[in-house]
Amino acid sequence: MFSSDKNVETIAQLIEALKRYLGVQKEFLKLSVIEKFVRLITALTLAVVFILLGFAVLFFMSFALVYWLAPLVGVALAFFIMALIYLALAFIVFTNRKAWIERPLVRFLADVLLN
């Protein structure tokens, strides 16, 4: 009385459409995860390259500063002054680590993983 061939066919079509929808959603989720992973790996690779280049520039600039200071104060004192400069920079970075490192990193990761 309540079921007819047309109702059964409509329910079968609805189930088939639901299966296709779930398959498409599963594929979309996979592609979305892959995209986020690739963006994260790319950003990490870029960060590593910039950090390595920054260390190389800092290394050569510090030796240039030491050799510039050496005739004025002596080689040992020039290296000591350079060490004090690095110590001061480390202290400044440590005191501002939340604003300069943690918050931007959390913001970036949230942007990559949640969008």
C-alpha atoms as a PDB file:
ATOM      1  CA  MET A   1       0.000   0.000   0.000  1.00  0.00           C
ATOM      2  CA  PHE A   2       2.706   2.514   0.979  1.00  0.00           C
ATOM      3  CA  SER A   3       5.447   1.147  -1.219  1.00  0.00           C
ATOM      4  CA  SER A   4       5.371   1.088  -4.911  1.00  0.00           C
ATOM      5  CA  ASP A   5       7.972   0.443  -7.543  1.00  0.00           C
ATOM      6  CA  LYS A   6       8.423   4.190  -7.967  1.00  0.00           C
ATOM      7  CA  ASN A   7       9.117   4.722  -4.239  1.00  0.00           C
ATOM      8  CA  VAL A   8      11.620   1.859  -4.145  1.00  0.00           C
ATOM      9  CA  GLU A   9      13.347   3.235  -7.251  1.00  0.00           C
ATOM     10  CA  THR A  10      13.474   6.730  -5.747  1.00  0.00           C
ATOM     11  CA  ILE A  11      14.968   5.388  -2.505  1.00  0.00           C
ATOM     12  CA  ALA A  12      17.555   3.405  -4.501  1.00  0.00           C
ATOM     13  CA  GLN A  13      18.487   6.534  -6.458  1.00  0.00           C
ATOM     14  CA  LEU A  14      18.738   8.488  -3.214  1.00  0.00           C
ATOM     15  CA  ILE A  15      21.035   5.868  -1.684  1.00  0.00           C
ATOM     16  CA  GLU A  16      23.177   5.835  -4.841  1.00  0.00           C
ATOM     17  CA  ALA A  17      23.409   9.657  -4.796  1.00  0.00           C
ATOM     18  CA  LEU A  18      24.363   9.541  -1.114  1.00  0.00           C
ATOM     19  CA  LYS A  19      27.135   7.012  -1.858  1.00  0.00           C
ATOM     20  CA  ARG A  20      28.488   9.242  -4.636  1.00  0.00           C
ATOM     21  CA  TYR A  21      28.312  12.283  -2.361  1.00  0.00           C
ATOM     22  CA  LEU A  22      30.224  10.495   0.398  1.00  0.00           C
ATOM     23  CA  GLY A  23      32.837   9.333  -2.122  1.00  0.00           C
ATOM     24  CA  VAL A  24      33.303  12.880  -3.414  1.00  0.00           C
ATOM     25  CA  GLN A  25      33.533  14.224   0.145  1.00  0.00           C
ATOM     26  CA  LYS A  26      36.159  11.596   0.997  1.00  0.00           C
ATOM     27  CA  GLU A  27      38.192  12.550  -2.089  1.00  0.00           C
ATOM     28  CA  PHE A  28      37.870  16.256  -1.238  1.00  0.00           C
ATOM     29  CA  LEU A  29      39.098  15.597   2.307  1.00  0.00           C
ATOM     30  CA  LYS A  30      42.116  13.671   0.969  1.00  0.00           C
ATOM     31  CA  LEU A  31      43.013  16.467  -1.440  1.00  0.00           C
ATOM     32  CA  SER A  32      42.554  19.085   1.261  1.00  0.00           C
ATOM     33  CA  VAL A  33      44.894  17.229   3.635  1.00  0.00           C
ATOM     34  CA  ILE A  34      47.466  16.807   0.862  1.00  0.00           C
ATOM     35  CA  GLU A  35      47.274  20.517   0.015  1.00  0.00           C
ATOM     36  CA  LYS A  36      47.783  21.535   3.656  1.00  0.00           C
ATOM     37  CA  PHE A  37      50.680  19.092   4.030  1.00  0.00           C
ATOM     38  CA  VAL A  38      52.378  20.414   0.883  1.00  0.00           C
ATOM     39  CA  ARG A  39      51.914  24.033   2.020  1.00  0.00           C
ATOM     40  CA  LEU A  40      53.384  23.174   5.421  1.00  0.00           C
ATOM     41  CA  ILE A  41      56.372  21.298   3.961  1.00  0.00           C
ATOM     42  CA  THR A  42      57.004  24.143   1.496  1.00  0.00           C
ATOM     43  CA  ALA A  43      56.925  26.740   4.266  1.00  0.00           C
ATOM     44  CA  LEU A  44      59.245  24.656   6.447  1.00  0.00           C
ATOM     45  CA  THR A  45      61.684  24.150   3.578  1.00  0.00           C
ATOM     46  CA  LEU A  46      61.664  27.861   2.809  1.00  0.00           C
ATOM     47  CA  ALA A  47      62.210  28.673   6.483  1.00  0.00           C
ATOM     48  CA  VAL A  48      65.168  26.291   6.696  1.00  0.00           C
ATOM     49  CA  VAL A  49      66.745  27.807   3.571  1.00  0.00           C
ATOM     50  CA  PHE A  50      66.308  31.361   4.895  1.00  0.00           C
ATOM     51  CA  ILE A  51      67.656  30.387   8.316  1.00  0.00           C
ATOM     52  CA  LEU A  52      70.737  28.767   6.781  1.00  0.00           C
ATOM     53  CA  LEU A  53      71.353  31.782   4.552  1.00  0.00           C
ATOM     54  CA  GLY A  54      70.836  34.085   7.528  1.00  0.00           C
ATOM     55  CA  PHE A  55      73.381  32.145   9.580  1.00  0.00           C
ATOM     56  CA  ALA A  56      75.894  32.307   6.743  1.00  0.00           C
ATOM     57  CA  VAL A  57      75.424  36.080   6.393  1.00  0.00           C
ATOM     58  CA  LEU A  58      75.632  36.540  10.166  1.00  0.00           C
ATOM     59  CA  PHE A  59      78.785  34.413  10.325  1.00  0.00           C
ATOM     60  CA  PHE A  60      80.611  36.418   7.680  1.00  0.00           C
ATOM     61  CA  MET A  61      79.386  39.758   9.004  1.00  0.00           C
ATOM     62  CA  SER A  62      80.596  38.883  12.501  1.00  0.00           C
ATOM     63  CA  PHE A  63      84.040  37.993  11.217  1.00  0.00           C
ATOM     64  CA  ALA A  64      84.103  41.223   9.231  1.00  0.00           C
ATOM     65  CA  LEU A  65      83.204  43.175  12.375  1.00  0.00           C
ATOM     66  CA  VAL A  66      85.875  41.325  14.378  1.00  0.00           C
ATOM     67  CA  TYR A  67      88.545  42.041  11.790  1.00  0.00           C
ATOM     68  CA  TRP A  68      87.423  45.672  11.645  1.00  0.00           C
ATOM     69  CA  LEU A  69      87.615  45.989  15.457  1.00  0.00           C
ATOM     70  CA  ALA A  70      90.892  44.030  15.809  1.00  0.00           C
ATOM     71  CA  PRO A  71      93.270  46.918  14.959  1.00  0.00           C
ATOM     72  CA  LEU A  72      91.411  49.174  17.387  1.00  0.00           C
ATOM     73  CA  VAL A  73      91.102  46.910  20.456  1.00  0.00           C
ATOM     74  CA  GLY A  74      93.050  43.742  19.693  1.00  0.00           C
ATOM     75  CA  VAL A  75      91.925  40.414  18.297  1.00  0.00           C
ATOM     76  CA  ALA A  76      90.932  38.802  21.598  1.00  0.00           C
ATOM     77  CA  LEU A  77      88.880  41.773  22.740  1.00  0.00           C
ATOM     78  CA  ALA A  78      87.245  42.050  19.305  1.00  0.00           C
ATOM     79  CA  PHE A  79      86.057  38.432  19.564  1.00  0.00           C
ATOM     80  CA  PHE A  80      84.901  39.096  23.122  1.00  0.00           C
ATOM     81  CA  ILE A  81      82.903  42.145  21.968  1.00  0.00           C
ATOM     82  CA  MET A  82      81.329  40.027  19.222  1.00  0.00           C
ATOM     83  CA  ALA A  83      80.397  37.392  21.806  1.00  0.00           C
ATOM     84  CA  LEU A  84      78.789  40.066  23.977  1.00  0.00           C
ATOM     85  CA  ILE A  85      76.809  41.318  20.976  1.00  0.00           C
ATOM     86  CA  TYR A  86      75.546  37.773  20.359  1.00  0.00           C
ATOM     87  CA  LEU A  87      74.699  37.382  24.034  1.00  0.00           C
ATOM     88  CA  ALA A  88      72.715  40.631  23.970  1.00  0.00           C
ATOM     89  CA  LEU A  89      70.890  39.522  20.794  1.00  0.00           C
ATOM     90  CA  ALA A  90      70.095  36.155  22.381  1.00  0.00           C
ATOM     91  CA  PHE A  91      68.691  37.915  25.464  1.00  0.00           C
ATOM     92  CA  ILE A  92      66.552  40.241  23.333  1.00  0.00           C
ATOM     93  CA  VAL A  93      65.208  37.357  21.260  1.00  0.00           C
ATOM     94  CA  PHE A  94      64.541  35.276  24.389  1.00  0.00           C
ATOM     95  CA  THR A  95      62.596  38.063  26.087  1.00  0.00           C
ATOM     96  CA  ASN A  96      60.513  38.697  22.955  1.00  0.00           C
ATOM     97  CA  ARG A  97      60.123  35.063  21.884  1.00  0.00           C
ATOM     98  CA  LYS A  98      56.336  34.985  22.325  1.00  0.00           C
ATOM     99  CA  ALA A  99      55.698  38.043  20.180  1.00  0.00           C
ATOM    100  CA  TRP A 100      58.370  37.313  17.562  1.00  0.00           C
ATOM    101  CA  ILE A 101      58.321  33.515  17.301  1.00  0.00           C
ATOM    102  CA  GLU A 102      55.479  31.712  19.098  1.00  0.00           C
ATOM    103  CA  ARG A 103      52.485  33.846  18.123  1.00  0.00           C
ATOM    104  CA  PRO A 104      53.399  34.202  14.423  1.00  0.00           C
ATOM    105  CA  LEU A 105      54.157  30.474  14.224  1.00  0.00           C
ATOM    106  CA  VAL A 106      50.852  29.535  15.869  1.00  0.00           C
ATOM    107  CA  ARG A 107      49.010  31.973  13.595  1.00  0.00           C
ATOM    108  CA  PHE A 108      50.722  30.534  10.496  1.00  0.00           C
ATOM    109  CA  LEU A 109      50.042  26.905  11.465  1.00  0.00           C
ATOM    110  CA  ALA A 110      46.423  27.692  12.316  1.00  0.00           C
ATOM    111  CA  ASP A 111      46.029  29.453   8.962  1.00  0.00           C
ATOM    112  CA  VAL A 112      47.527  26.527   7.053  1.00  0.00           C
ATOM    113  CA  LEU A 113      45.728  23.765   8.918  1.00  0.00           C
ATOM    114  CA  LEU A 114      42.322  25.364   9.492  1.00  0.00           C
ATOM    115  CA  ASN A 115      41.702  27.078   6.135  1.00  0.00           C
END
